[in-house]
């Protein structure tokens, strides 16, 4: 099992996005923290007020966004994008074709990137 933690601006606002990707809520520790699961992945969403969002000793403030990302393999990229658009999700580009298939970067409500990847059918 793997665990990934994402900082989010609002846990409740992020839940529909991750539900559209097949995540289910497994634990909730008050408004600022939820654990979600999808297959062998546990995703921790940490909102304002959690220990992960506190300023560090040098004054830097952890925040959502960036380019490091979680990759979700999907069977139908177009259908997954449609489901996410229904939640208000934004995409950083249109799908990009690569040697292994196609991918697109979606942003959760806090701007965290989630790569959606559909493998080529001939593998």
PDB file of N, CA and C in Angstrom:
ATOM      1  N   UNK A   1       0.838  -1.184   0.000  1.00  0.00           N
ATOM      2  CA  UNK A   1       0.000   0.000   0.000  1.00  0.00           C
ATOM      3  C   UNK A   1       0.878   1.240   0.000  1.00  0.00           C
ATOM      4  N   UNK A   2       0.428   2.277  -0.696  1.00  0.00           N
ATOM      5  CA  UNK A   2       1.134   3.552  -0.732  1.00  0.00           C
ATOM      6  C   UNK A   2       0.233   4.628  -0.149  1.00  0.00           C
ATOM      7  N   UNK A   3       0.861   5.612   0.515  1.00  0.00           N
ATOM      8  CA  UNK A   3       0.129   6.751   1.063  1.00  0.00           C
ATOM      9  C   UNK A   3       0.712   8.020   0.454  1.00  0.00           C
ATOM     10  N   UNK A   4      -0.162   8.884  -0.007  1.00  0.00           N
ATOM     11  CA  UNK A   4       0.216  10.194  -0.532  1.00  0.00           C
ATOM     12  C   UNK A   4      -0.566  11.231   0.258  1.00  0.00           C
ATOM     13  N   UNK A   5       0.090  12.338   0.624  1.00  0.00           N
ATOM     14  CA  UNK A   5      -0.607  13.434   1.300  1.00  0.00           C
ATOM     15  C   UNK A   5      -0.616  14.637   0.372  1.00  0.00           C
ATOM     16  N   UNK A   6      -1.798  15.219   0.200  1.00  0.00           N
ATOM     17  CA  UNK A   6      -1.948  16.458  -0.540  1.00  0.00           C
ATOM     18  C   UNK A   6      -2.488  17.507   0.413  1.00  0.00           C
ATOM     19  N   UNK A   7      -1.895  18.688   0.350  1.00  0.00           N
ATOM     20  CA  UNK A   7      -2.438  19.834   1.063  1.00  0.00           C
ATOM     21  C   UNK A   7      -3.544  20.420   0.200  1.00  0.00           C
ATOM     22  N   UNK A   8      -4.666  20.734   0.819  1.00  0.00           N
ATOM     23  CA  UNK A   8      -5.793  21.333   0.103  1.00  0.00           C
ATOM     24  C   UNK A   8      -6.281  22.550   0.864  1.00  0.00           C
ATOM     25  N   UNK A   9      -6.935  23.447   0.138  1.00  0.00           N
ATOM     26  CA  UNK A   9      -7.483  24.654   0.764  1.00  0.00           C
ATOM     27  C   UNK A   9      -8.771  24.361   1.515  1.00  0.00           C
ATOM     28  N   UNK A  10      -9.520  23.342   1.064  1.00  0.00           N
ATOM     29  CA  UNK A  10     -10.812  23.019   1.655  1.00  0.00           C
ATOM     30  C   UNK A  10     -11.098  21.543   1.382  1.00  0.00           C
ATOM     31  N   UNK A  11     -11.078  20.726   2.415  1.00  0.00           N
ATOM     32  CA  UNK A  11     -11.280  19.284   2.265  1.00  0.00           C
ATOM     33  C   UNK A  11     -12.633  18.989   1.620  1.00  0.00           C
ATOM     34  N   UNK A  12     -13.696  19.633   2.093  1.00  0.00           N
ATOM     35  CA  UNK A  12     -15.028  19.363   1.545  1.00  0.00           C
ATOM     36  C   UNK A  12     -15.129  19.706   0.063  1.00  0.00           C
ATOM     37  N   UNK A  13     -14.458  20.764  -0.362  1.00  0.00           N
ATOM     38  CA  UNK A  13     -14.480  21.148  -1.776  1.00  0.00           C
ATOM     39  C   UNK A  13     -13.731  20.138  -2.639  1.00  0.00           C
ATOM     40  N   UNK A  14     -12.739  19.450  -2.071  1.00  0.00           N
ATOM     41  CA  UNK A  14     -11.947  18.479  -2.821  1.00  0.00           C
ATOM     42  C   UNK A  14     -12.632  17.117  -2.957  1.00  0.00           C
ATOM     43  N   UNK A  15     -13.550  16.796  -2.055  1.00  0.00           N
ATOM     44  CA  UNK A  15     -14.142  15.454  -2.049  1.00  0.00           C
ATOM     45  C   UNK A  15     -14.849  15.064  -3.349  1.00  0.00           C
ATOM     46  N   UNK A  16     -15.678  15.904  -3.981  1.00  0.00           N
ATOM     47  CA  UNK A  16     -16.319  15.481  -5.232  1.00  0.00           C
ATOM     48  C   UNK A  16     -15.315  15.161  -6.341  1.00  0.00           C
ATOM     49  N   UNK A  17     -14.226  15.915  -6.415  1.00  0.00           N
ATOM     50  CA  UNK A  17     -13.179  15.674  -7.410  1.00  0.00           C
ATOM     51  C   UNK A  17     -12.613  14.271  -7.242  1.00  0.00           C
ATOM     52  N   UNK A  18     -12.212  13.923  -6.021  1.00  0.00           N
ATOM     53  CA  UNK A  18     -11.602  12.619  -5.787  1.00  0.00           C
ATOM     54  C   UNK A  18     -12.620  11.484  -5.850  1.00  0.00           C
ATOM     55  N   UNK A  19     -13.881  11.747  -5.513  1.00  0.00           N
ATOM     56  CA  UNK A  19     -14.927  10.729  -5.671  1.00  0.00           C
ATOM     57  C   UNK A  19     -15.111  10.396  -7.147  1.00  0.00           C
ATOM     58  N   UNK A  20     -15.010  11.403  -8.020  1.00  0.00           N
ATOM     59  CA  UNK A  20     -15.140  11.169  -9.458  1.00  0.00           C
ATOM     60  C   UNK A  20     -13.996  10.302  -9.990  1.00  0.00           C
ATOM     61  N   UNK A  21     -12.891  10.238  -9.259  1.00  0.00           N
ATOM     62  CA  UNK A  21     -11.764   9.384  -9.637  1.00  0.00           C
ATOM     63  C   UNK A  21     -11.828   8.008  -8.975  1.00  0.00           C
ATOM     64  N   UNK A  22     -12.900   7.735  -8.240  1.00  0.00           N
ATOM     65  CA  UNK A  22     -13.069   6.416  -7.635  1.00  0.00           C
ATOM     66  C   UNK A  22     -12.554   6.285  -6.215  1.00  0.00           C
ATOM     67  N   UNK A  23     -12.204   7.397  -5.562  1.00  0.00           N
ATOM     68  CA  UNK A  23     -11.769   7.344  -4.169  1.00  0.00           C
ATOM     69  C   UNK A  23     -12.982   7.286  -3.249  1.00  0.00           C
ATOM     70  N   UNK A  24     -12.850   6.551  -2.156  1.00  0.00           N
ATOM     71  CA  UNK A  24     -13.894   6.508  -1.135  1.00  0.00           C
ATOM     72  C   UNK A  24     -13.294   6.951   0.196  1.00  0.00           C
ATOM     73  N   UNK A  25     -14.121   7.594   0.997  1.00  0.00           N
ATOM     74  CA  UNK A  25     -13.686   8.080   2.302  1.00  0.00           C
ATOM     75  C   UNK A  25     -13.573   6.901   3.267  1.00  0.00           C
ATOM     76  N   UNK A  26     -12.420   6.802   3.953  1.00  0.00           N
ATOM     77  CA  UNK A  26     -12.229   5.733   4.934  1.00  0.00           C
ATOM     78  C   UNK A  26     -12.200   6.261   6.358  1.00  0.00           C
ATOM     79  N   UNK A  27     -11.684   7.475   6.550  1.00  0.00           N
ATOM     80  CA  UNK A  27     -11.652   8.093   7.882  1.00  0.00           C
ATOM     81  C   UNK A  27     -11.746   9.604   7.732  1.00  0.00           C
ATOM     82  N   UNK A  28     -12.353  10.235   8.729  1.00  0.00           N
ATOM     83  CA  UNK A  28     -12.448  11.700   8.740  1.00  0.00           C
ATOM     84  C   UNK A  28     -12.114  12.158  10.144  1.00  0.00           C
ATOM     85  N   UNK A  29     -11.136  13.043  10.267  1.00  0.00           N
ATOM     86  CA  UNK A  29     -10.734  13.585  11.561  1.00  0.00           C
ATOM     87  C   UNK A  29     -11.082  15.059  11.595  1.00  0.00           C
ATOM     88  N   UNK A  30     -12.358  15.343  11.699  1.00  0.00           N
ATOM     89  CA  UNK A  30     -12.807  16.729  11.741  1.00  0.00           C
ATOM     90  C   UNK A  30     -12.769  17.363  10.365  1.00  0.00           C
ATOM     91  N   UNK A  31     -13.125  18.635  10.295  1.00  0.00           N
ATOM     92  CA  UNK A  31     -13.206  19.313   8.997  1.00  0.00           C
ATOM     93  C   UNK A  31     -11.892  19.352   8.203  1.00  0.00           C
ATOM     94  N   UNK A  32     -10.698  19.437   8.867  1.00  0.00           N
ATOM     95  CA  UNK A  32      -9.517  19.668   8.041  1.00  0.00           C
ATOM     96  C   UNK A  32      -8.781  18.423   7.536  1.00  0.00           C
ATOM     97  N   UNK A  33      -9.275  17.224   7.801  1.00  0.00           N
ATOM     98  CA  UNK A  33      -8.472  16.050   7.407  1.00  0.00           C
ATOM     99  C   UNK A  33      -9.371  14.876   7.050  1.00  0.00           C
ATOM    100  N   UNK A  34      -9.055  14.224   5.923  1.00  0.00           N
ATOM    101  CA  UNK A  34      -9.786  13.031   5.505  1.00  0.00           C
ATOM    102  C   UNK A  34      -8.811  12.042   4.870  1.00  0.00           C
ATOM    103  N   UNK A  35      -9.086  10.756   5.071  1.00  0.00           N
ATOM    104  CA  UNK A  35      -8.342   9.693   4.409  1.00  0.00           C
ATOM    105  C   UNK A  35      -9.260   9.088   3.351  1.00  0.00           C
ATOM    106  N   UNK A  36      -8.711   8.961   2.140  1.00  0.00           N
ATOM    107  CA  UNK A  36      -9.445   8.374   1.034  1.00  0.00           C
ATOM    108  C   UNK A  36      -8.689   7.145   0.544  1.00  0.00           C
ATOM    109  N   UNK A  37      -9.394   6.212  -0.078  1.00  0.00           N
ATOM    110  CA  UNK A  37      -8.749   5.010  -0.601  1.00  0.00           C
ATOM    111  C   UNK A  37      -9.225   4.732  -2.018  1.00  0.00           C
ATOM    112  N   UNK A  38      -8.287   4.203  -2.808  1.00  0.00           N
ATOM    113  CA  UNK A  38      -8.570   3.728  -4.167  1.00  0.00           C
ATOM    114  C   UNK A  38      -7.574   2.607  -4.429  1.00  0.00           C
ATOM    115  N   UNK A  39      -8.078   1.399  -4.550  1.00  0.00           N
ATOM    116  CA  UNK A  39      -7.243   0.217  -4.730  1.00  0.00           C
ATOM    117  C   UNK A  39      -6.188   0.181  -3.621  1.00  0.00           C
ATOM    118  N   UNK A  40      -4.917   0.158  -3.966  1.00  0.00           N
ATOM    119  CA  UNK A  40      -3.852   0.057  -2.964  1.00  0.00           C
ATOM    120  C   UNK A  40      -3.294   1.410  -2.524  1.00  0.00           C
ATOM    121  N   UNK A  41      -3.976   2.489  -2.868  1.00  0.00           N
ATOM    122  CA  UNK A  41      -3.499   3.836  -2.545  1.00  0.00           C
ATOM    123  C   UNK A  41      -4.378   4.469  -1.475  1.00  0.00           C
ATOM    124  N   UNK A  42      -3.744   5.024  -0.467  1.00  0.00           N
ATOM    125  CA  UNK A  42      -4.437   5.849   0.525  1.00  0.00           C
ATOM    126  C   UNK A  42      -3.999   7.280   0.294  1.00  0.00           C
ATOM    127  N   UNK A  43      -4.964   8.173   0.196  1.00  0.00           N
ATOM    128  CA  UNK A  43      -4.696   9.586  -0.030  1.00  0.00           C
ATOM    129  C   UNK A  43      -5.168  10.367   1.184  1.00  0.00           C
ATOM    130  N   UNK A  44      -4.255  11.120   1.771  1.00  0.00           N
ATOM    131  CA  UNK A  44      -4.598  11.979   2.902  1.00  0.00           C
ATOM    132  C   UNK A  44      -4.771  13.391   2.368  1.00  0.00           C
ATOM    133  N   UNK A  45      -5.925  13.985   2.594  1.00  0.00           N
ATOM    134  CA  UNK A  45      -6.153  15.381   2.249  1.00  0.00           C
ATOM    135  C   UNK A  45      -6.093  16.198   3.530  1.00  0.00           C
ATOM    136  N   UNK A  46      -5.120  17.097   3.591  1.00  0.00           N
ATOM    137  CA  UNK A  46      -4.891  17.920   4.779  1.00  0.00           C
ATOM    138  C   UNK A  46      -5.226  19.368   4.478  1.00  0.00           C
ATOM    139  N   UNK A  47      -6.201  19.893   5.184  1.00  0.00           N
ATOM    140  CA  UNK A  47      -6.603  21.280   4.999  1.00  0.00           C
ATOM    141  C   UNK A  47      -5.958  22.204   6.015  1.00  0.00           C
ATOM    142  N   UNK A  48      -6.351  23.460   6.004  1.00  0.00           N
ATOM    143  CA  UNK A  48      -5.833  24.427   6.972  1.00  0.00           C
ATOM    144  C   UNK A  48      -6.073  23.940   8.402  1.00  0.00           C
ATOM    145  N   UNK A  49      -5.073  24.115   9.232  1.00  0.00           N
ATOM    146  CA  UNK A  49      -5.173  23.715  10.630  1.00  0.00           C
ATOM    147  C   UNK A  49      -4.558  22.363  10.929  1.00  0.00           C
ATOM    148  N   UNK A  50      -4.179  21.611   9.911  1.00  0.00           N
ATOM    149  CA  UNK A  50      -3.525  20.321  10.164  1.00  0.00           C
ATOM    150  C   UNK A  50      -2.034  20.546  10.384  1.00  0.00           C
ATOM    151  N   UNK A  51      -1.385  19.560  10.976  1.00  0.00           N
ATOM    152  CA  UNK A  51       0.051  19.687  11.240  1.00  0.00           C
ATOM    153  C   UNK A  51       0.839  19.845   9.945  1.00  0.00           C
ATOM    154  N   UNK A  52       0.403  19.231   8.856  1.00  0.00           N
ATOM    155  CA  UNK A  52       1.124  19.322   7.583  1.00  0.00           C
ATOM    156  C   UNK A  52       1.086  20.723   6.981  1.00  0.00           C
ATOM    157  N   UNK A  53       0.141  21.547   7.405  1.00  0.00           N
ATOM    158  CA  UNK A  53       0.017  22.889   6.827  1.00  0.00           C
ATOM    159  C   UNK A  53       0.690  23.968   7.672  1.00  0.00           C
ATOM    160  N   UNK A  54       1.286  23.586   8.786  1.00  0.00           N
ATOM    161  CA  UNK A  54       1.936  24.580   9.657  1.00  0.00           C
ATOM    162  C   UNK A  54       3.236  25.090   9.047  1.00  0.00           C
ATOM    163  N   UNK A  55       3.542  26.345   9.327  1.00  0.00           N
ATOM    164  CA  UNK A  55       4.792  26.945   8.856  1.00  0.00           C
ATOM    165  C   UNK A  55       5.986  26.186   9.428  1.00  0.00           C
ATOM    166  N   UNK A  56       7.036  26.097   8.624  1.00  0.00           N
ATOM    167  CA  UNK A  56       8.270  25.430   9.051  1.00  0.00           C
ATOM    168  C   UNK A  56       9.145  26.409   9.827  1.00  0.00           C
ATOM    169  N   UNK A  57      10.201  25.892  10.445  1.00  0.00           N
ATOM    170  CA  UNK A  57      11.073  26.720  11.278  1.00  0.00           C
ATOM    171  C   UNK A  57      11.667  27.898  10.508  1.00  0.00           C
ATOM    172  N   UNK A  58      11.913  27.724   9.190  1.00  0.00           N
ATOM    173  CA  UNK A  58      12.483  28.813   8.396  1.00  0.00           C
ATOM    174  C   UNK A  58      11.432  29.807   7.915  1.00  0.00           C
ATOM    175  N   UNK A  59      10.168  29.595   8.298  1.00  0.00           N
ATOM    176  CA  UNK A  59       9.096  30.498   7.925  1.00  0.00           C
ATOM    177  C   UNK A  59       8.361  30.111   6.653  1.00  0.00           C
ATOM    178  N   UNK A  60       8.894  29.133   5.918  1.00  0.00           N
ATOM    179  CA  UNK A  60       8.193  28.741   4.696  1.00  0.00           C
ATOM    180  C   UNK A  60       6.874  28.058   5.046  1.00  0.00           C
ATOM    181  N   UNK A  61       5.888  28.277   4.185  1.00  0.00           N
ATOM    182  CA  UNK A  61       4.531  27.782   4.428  1.00  0.00           C
ATOM    183  C   UNK A  61       4.192  26.700   3.411  1.00  0.00           C
ATOM    184  N   UNK A  62       3.930  25.473   3.852  1.00  0.00           N
ATOM    185  CA  UNK A  62       3.492  24.444   2.916  1.00  0.00           C
ATOM    186  C   UNK A  62       2.182  24.883   2.248  1.00  0.00           C
ATOM    187  N   UNK A  63       2.064  24.588   0.952  1.00  0.00           N
ATOM    188  CA  UNK A  63       0.845  24.974   0.235  1.00  0.00           C
ATOM    189  C   UNK A  63       0.589  24.010  -0.915  1.00  0.00           C
ATOM    190  N   UNK A  64      -0.658  23.963  -1.389  1.00  0.00           N
ATOM    191  CA  UNK A  64      -0.998  23.074  -2.491  1.00  0.00           C
ATOM    192  C   UNK A  64      -0.407  23.543  -3.812  1.00  0.00           C
ATOM    193  N   UNK A  65      -0.450  22.659  -4.790  1.00  0.00           N
ATOM    194  CA  UNK A  65      -0.029  23.006  -6.149  1.00  0.00           C
ATOM    195  C   UNK A  65       1.291  22.379  -6.515  1.00  0.00           C
ATOM    196  N   UNK A  66       1.980  22.940  -7.471  1.00  0.00           N
ATOM    197  CA  UNK A  66       3.264  22.427  -7.923  1.00  0.00           C
ATOM    198  C   UNK A  66       3.111  21.478  -9.102  1.00  0.00           C
ATOM    199  N   UNK A  67       4.185  20.731  -9.374  1.00  0.00           N
ATOM    200  CA  UNK A  67       4.185  19.823 -10.520  1.00  0.00           C
ATOM    201  C   UNK A  67       4.341  18.366 -10.121  1.00  0.00           C
ATOM    202  N   UNK A  68       4.835  18.070  -8.916  1.00  0.00           N
ATOM    203  CA  UNK A  68       4.836  16.677  -8.484  1.00  0.00           C
ATOM    204  C   UNK A  68       3.397  16.231  -8.432  1.00  0.00           C
ATOM    205  N   UNK A  69       3.145  14.987  -8.778  1.00  0.00           N
ATOM    206  CA  UNK A  69       1.752  14.598  -8.881  1.00  0.00           C
ATOM    207  C   UNK A  69       1.533  13.122  -8.657  1.00  0.00           C
ATOM    208  N   UNK A  70       0.299  12.851  -8.370  1.00  0.00           N
ATOM    209  CA  UNK A  70      -0.229  11.519  -8.245  1.00  0.00           C
ATOM    210  C   UNK A  70      -0.704  11.129  -9.646  1.00  0.00           C
ATOM    211  N   UNK A  71      -0.457   9.870 -10.060  1.00  0.00           N
ATOM    212  CA  UNK A  71      -0.883   9.396 -11.363  1.00  0.00           C
ATOM    213  C   UNK A  71      -1.965   8.347 -11.160  1.00  0.00           C
ATOM    214  N   UNK A  72      -3.093   8.553 -11.825  1.00  0.00           N
ATOM    215  CA  UNK A  72      -4.206   7.613 -11.777  1.00  0.00           C
ATOM    216  C   UNK A  72      -4.360   7.024 -13.175  1.00  0.00           C
ATOM    217  N   UNK A  73      -4.228   5.696 -13.283  1.00  0.00           N
ATOM    218  CA  UNK A  73      -4.453   5.049 -14.573  1.00  0.00           C
ATOM    219  C   UNK A  73      -5.947   4.840 -14.753  1.00  0.00           C
ATOM    220  N   UNK A  74      -6.461   5.256 -15.905  1.00  0.00           N
ATOM    221  CA  UNK A  74      -7.886   5.151 -16.205  1.00  0.00           C
ATOM    222  C   UNK A  74      -8.077   4.345 -17.486  1.00  0.00           C
ATOM    223  N   UNK A  75      -9.245   3.726 -17.627  1.00  0.00           N
ATOM    224  CA  UNK A  75      -9.539   2.950 -18.830  1.00  0.00           C
ATOM    225  C   UNK A  75     -10.029   3.833 -19.965  1.00  0.00           C
ATOM    226  N   UNK A  76     -10.728   4.926 -19.644  1.00  0.00           N
ATOM    227  CA  UNK A  76     -11.311   5.802 -20.657  1.00  0.00           C
ATOM    228  C   UNK A  76     -11.044   7.248 -20.254  1.00  0.00           C
ATOM    229  N   UNK A  77     -10.010   7.832 -20.846  1.00  0.00           N
ATOM    230  CA  UNK A  77      -9.594   9.179 -20.470  1.00  0.00           C
ATOM    231  C   UNK A  77     -10.705  10.202 -20.738  1.00  0.00           C
ATOM    232  N   UNK A  78     -11.353  10.112 -21.883  1.00  0.00           N
ATOM    233  CA  UNK A  78     -12.393  11.080 -22.222  1.00  0.00           C
ATOM    234  C   UNK A  78     -13.548  11.036 -21.219  1.00  0.00           C
ATOM    235  N   UNK A  79     -13.977   9.843 -20.836  1.00  0.00           N
ATOM    236  CA  UNK A  79     -15.078   9.708 -19.874  1.00  0.00           C
ATOM    237  C   UNK A  79     -14.665  10.224 -18.502  1.00  0.00           C
ATOM    238  N   UNK A  80     -13.430   9.969 -18.106  1.00  0.00           N
ATOM    239  CA  UNK A  80     -12.948  10.447 -16.807  1.00  0.00           C
ATOM    240  C   UNK A  80     -12.875  11.966 -16.802  1.00  0.00           C
ATOM    241  N   UNK A  81     -12.412  12.540 -17.899  1.00  0.00           N
ATOM    242  CA  UNK A  81     -12.358  14.005 -17.985  1.00  0.00           C
ATOM    243  C   UNK A  81     -13.762  14.595 -17.894  1.00  0.00           C
ATOM    244  N   UNK A  82     -14.722  13.957 -18.539  1.00  0.00           N
ATOM    245  CA  UNK A  82     -16.103  14.441 -18.488  1.00  0.00           C
ATOM    246  C   UNK A  82     -16.640  14.396 -17.057  1.00  0.00           C
ATOM    247  N   UNK A  83     -16.360  13.301 -16.336  1.00  0.00           N
ATOM    248  CA  UNK A  83     -16.808  13.190 -14.940  1.00  0.00           C
ATOM    249  C   UNK A  83     -16.170  14.266 -14.075  1.00  0.00           C
ATOM    250  N   UNK A  84     -14.897  14.561 -14.317  1.00  0.00           N
ATOM    251  CA  UNK A  84     -14.219  15.593 -13.534  1.00  0.00           C
ATOM    252  C   UNK A  84     -14.712  16.992 -13.896  1.00  0.00           C
ATOM    253  N   UNK A  85     -14.992  17.222 -15.158  1.00  0.00           N
ATOM    254  CA  UNK A  85     -15.538  18.534 -15.549  1.00  0.00           C
ATOM    255  C   UNK A  85     -16.847  18.806 -14.823  1.00  0.00           C
ATOM    256  N   UNK A  86     -17.617  17.750 -14.578  1.00  0.00           N
ATOM    257  CA  UNK A  86     -18.889  17.905 -13.861  1.00  0.00           C
ATOM    258  C   UNK A  86     -18.667  18.366 -12.424  1.00  0.00           C
ATOM    259  N   UNK A  87     -17.464  18.151 -11.872  1.00  0.00           N
ATOM    260  CA  UNK A  87     -17.146  18.614 -10.519  1.00  0.00           C
ATOM    261  C   UNK A  87     -16.546  20.018 -10.533  1.00  0.00           C
ATOM    262  N   UNK A  88     -16.340  20.574 -11.738  1.00  0.00           N
ATOM    263  CA  UNK A  88     -15.719  21.895 -11.858  1.00  0.00           C
ATOM    264  C   UNK A  88     -14.216  21.841 -12.027  1.00  0.00           C
ATOM    265  N   UNK A  89     -13.662  20.658 -12.258  1.00  0.00           N
ATOM    266  CA  UNK A  89     -12.212  20.508 -12.378  1.00  0.00           C
ATOM    267  C   UNK A  89     -11.664  21.288 -13.566  1.00  0.00           C
ATOM    268  N   UNK A  90     -10.441  21.759 -13.388  1.00  0.00           N
ATOM    269  CA  UNK A  90      -9.696  22.419 -14.459  1.00  0.00           C
ATOM    270  C   UNK A  90      -8.629  21.465 -14.962  1.00  0.00           C
ATOM    271  N   UNK A  91      -8.224  21.652 -16.214  1.00  0.00           N
ATOM    272  CA  UNK A  91      -7.163  20.854 -16.810  1.00  0.00           C
ATOM    273  C   UNK A  91      -6.059  21.796 -17.257  1.00  0.00           C
ATOM    274  N   UNK A  92      -4.819  21.374 -17.084  1.00  0.00           N
ATOM    275  CA  UNK A  92      -3.688  22.222 -17.458  1.00  0.00           C
ATOM    276  C   UNK A  92      -3.439  22.210 -18.960  1.00  0.00           C
ATOM    277  N   UNK A  93      -3.994  21.247 -19.673  1.00  0.00           N
ATOM    278  CA  UNK A  93      -3.844  21.162 -21.127  1.00  0.00           C
ATOM    279  C   UNK A  93      -4.902  20.209 -21.652  1.00  0.00           C
ATOM    280  N   UNK A  94      -4.906  20.038 -22.946  1.00  0.00           N
ATOM    281  CA  UNK A  94      -5.684  18.967 -23.556  1.00  0.00           C
ATOM    282  C   UNK A  94      -4.854  17.689 -23.416  1.00  0.00           C
ATOM    283  N   UNK A  95      -5.441  16.511 -23.636  1.00  0.00           N
ATOM    284  CA  UNK A  95      -4.655  15.272 -23.543  1.00  0.00           C
ATOM    285  C   UNK A  95      -3.436  15.308 -24.468  1.00  0.00           C
ATOM    286  N   UNK A  96      -2.361  14.736 -23.972  1.00  0.00           N
ATOM    287  CA  UNK A  96      -1.093  14.672 -24.698  1.00  0.00           C
ATOM    288  C   UNK A  96      -0.829  13.204 -25.029  1.00  0.00           C
ATOM    289  N   UNK A  97      -0.504  12.925 -26.284  1.00  0.00           N
ATOM    290  CA  UNK A  97      -0.198  11.568 -26.719  1.00  0.00           C
ATOM    291  C   UNK A  97       1.281  11.313 -26.507  1.00  0.00           C
ATOM    292  N   UNK A  98       1.615  10.167 -25.923  1.00  0.00           N
ATOM    293  CA  UNK A  98       2.998   9.777 -25.728  1.00  0.00           C
ATOM    294  C   UNK A  98       3.200   8.349 -26.194  1.00  0.00           C
ATOM    295  N   UNK A  99       4.405   7.812 -26.025  1.00  0.00           N
ATOM    296  CA  UNK A  99       4.680   6.466 -26.515  1.00  0.00           C
ATOM    297  C   UNK A  99       3.887   5.373 -25.798  1.00  0.00           C
ATOM    298  N   UNK A 100       3.468   5.627 -24.569  1.00  0.00           N
ATOM    299  CA  UNK A 100       2.756   4.601 -23.808  1.00  0.00           C
ATOM    300  C   UNK A 100       1.255   4.776 -23.772  1.00  0.00           C
ATOM    301  N   UNK A 101       0.769   5.909 -24.285  1.00  0.00           N
ATOM    302  CA  UNK A 101      -0.663   6.176 -24.242  1.00  0.00           C
ATOM    303  C   UNK A 101      -0.903   7.667 -24.235  1.00  0.00           C
ATOM    304  N   UNK A 102      -1.967   8.079 -23.572  1.00  0.00           N
ATOM    305  CA  UNK A 102      -2.259   9.509 -23.490  1.00  0.00           C
ATOM    306  C   UNK A 102      -2.485   9.909 -22.040  1.00  0.00           C
ATOM    307  N   UNK A 103      -2.236  11.184 -21.778  1.00  0.00           N
ATOM    308  CA  UNK A 103      -2.332  11.688 -20.413  1.00  0.00           C
ATOM    309  C   UNK A 103      -2.800  13.125 -20.423  1.00  0.00           C
ATOM    310  N   UNK A 104      -3.308  13.546 -19.275  1.00  0.00           N
ATOM    311  CA  UNK A 104      -3.696  14.932 -19.084  1.00  0.00           C
ATOM    312  C   UNK A 104      -3.519  15.251 -17.605  1.00  0.00           C
ATOM    313  N   UNK A 105      -3.220  16.499 -17.302  1.00  0.00           N
ATOM    314  CA  UNK A 105      -3.111  16.936 -15.916  1.00  0.00           C
ATOM    315  C   UNK A 105      -4.378  17.674 -15.517  1.00  0.00           C
ATOM    316  N   UNK A 106      -5.080  17.108 -14.553  1.00  0.00           N
ATOM    317  CA  UNK A 106      -6.240  17.764 -13.956  1.00  0.00           C
ATOM    318  C   UNK A 106      -5.771  18.445 -12.677  1.00  0.00           C
ATOM    319  N   UNK A 107      -6.491  19.468 -12.259  1.00  0.00           N
ATOM    320  CA  UNK A 107      -6.203  20.118 -10.979  1.00  0.00           C
ATOM    321  C   UNK A 107      -7.379  19.901 -10.043  1.00  0.00           C
ATOM    322  N   UNK A 108      -7.066  19.491  -8.789  1.00  0.00           N
ATOM    323  CA  UNK A 108      -8.132  19.409  -7.798  1.00  0.00           C
ATOM    324  C   UNK A 108      -8.532  20.838  -7.422  1.00  0.00           C
ATOM    325  N   UNK A 109      -9.551  21.034  -6.602  1.00  0.00           N
ATOM    326  CA  UNK A 109     -10.002  22.397  -6.290  1.00  0.00           C
ATOM    327  C   UNK A 109      -8.938  23.302  -5.661  1.00  0.00           C
ATOM    328  N   UNK A 110      -7.854  22.720  -5.135  1.00  0.00           N
ATOM    329  CA  UNK A 110      -6.792  23.529  -4.546  1.00  0.00           C
ATOM    330  C   UNK A 110      -5.615  23.730  -5.492  1.00  0.00           C
ATOM    331  N   UNK A 111      -5.694  23.188  -6.703  1.00  0.00           N
ATOM    332  CA  UNK A 111      -4.614  23.340  -7.675  1.00  0.00           C
ATOM    333  C   UNK A 111      -3.600  22.216  -7.673  1.00  0.00           C
ATOM    334  N   UNK A 112      -3.823  21.157  -6.886  1.00  0.00           N
ATOM    335  CA  UNK A 112      -2.908  20.019  -6.902  1.00  0.00           C
ATOM    336  C   UNK A 112      -3.076  19.243  -8.203  1.00  0.00           C
ATOM    337  N   UNK A 113      -1.971  18.942  -8.887  1.00  0.00           N
ATOM    338  CA  UNK A 113      -2.090  18.213 -10.144  1.00  0.00           C
ATOM    339  C   UNK A 113      -2.309  16.720  -9.916  1.00  0.00           C
ATOM    340  N   UNK A 114      -3.180  16.143 -10.739  1.00  0.00           N
ATOM    341  CA  UNK A 114      -3.413  14.709 -10.771  1.00  0.00           C
ATOM    342  C   UNK A 114      -3.321  14.311 -12.235  1.00  0.00           C
ATOM    343  N   UNK A 115      -2.338  13.454 -12.546  1.00  0.00           N
ATOM    344  CA  UNK A 115      -2.201  12.994 -13.922  1.00  0.00           C
ATOM    345  C   UNK A 115      -3.146  11.838 -14.162  1.00  0.00           C
ATOM    346  N   UNK A 116      -3.928  11.940 -15.212  1.00  0.00           N
ATOM    347  CA  UNK A 116      -4.798  10.847 -15.654  1.00  0.00           C
ATOM    348  C   UNK A 116      -4.111  10.215 -16.840  1.00  0.00           C
ATOM    349  N   UNK A 117      -3.905   8.910 -16.789  1.00  0.00           N
ATOM    350  CA  UNK A 117      -3.141   8.210 -17.826  1.00  0.00           C
ATOM    351  C   UNK A 117      -3.946   7.044 -18.370  1.00  0.00           C
ATOM    352  N   UNK A 118      -4.115   7.002 -19.693  1.00  0.00           N
ATOM    353  CA  UNK A 118      -4.759   5.885 -20.379  1.00  0.00           C
ATOM    354  C   UNK A 118      -3.704   5.206 -21.240  1.00  0.00           C
ATOM    355  N   UNK A 119      -3.394   3.960 -20.909  1.00  0.00           N
ATOM    356  CA  UNK A 119      -2.377   3.210 -21.652  1.00  0.00           C
ATOM    357  C   UNK A 119      -2.854   2.904 -23.063  1.00  0.00           C
ATOM    358  N   UNK A 120      -1.903   2.804 -23.966  1.00  0.00           N
ATOM    359  CA  UNK A 120      -2.227   2.386 -25.333  1.00  0.00           C
ATOM    360  C   UNK A 120      -2.833   0.996 -25.293  1.00  0.00           C
ATOM    361  N   UNK A 121      -3.739   0.725 -26.190  1.00  0.00           N
ATOM    362  CA  UNK A 121      -4.436  -0.557 -26.209  1.00  0.00           C
ATOM    363  C   UNK A 121      -3.610  -1.714 -26.703  1.00  0.00           C
ATOM    364  N   UNK A 122      -2.448  -1.472 -27.294  1.00  0.00           N
ATOM    365  CA  UNK A 122      -1.666  -2.566 -27.864  1.00  0.00           C
ATOM    366  C   UNK A 122      -0.564  -3.087 -26.950  1.00  0.00           C
ATOM    367  N   UNK A 123      -0.615  -2.735 -25.684  1.00  0.00           N
ATOM    368  CA  UNK A 123       0.385  -3.249 -24.728  1.00  0.00           C
ATOM    369  C   UNK A 123      -0.051  -4.559 -24.166  1.00  0.00           C
TER     370      UNK A 123
END
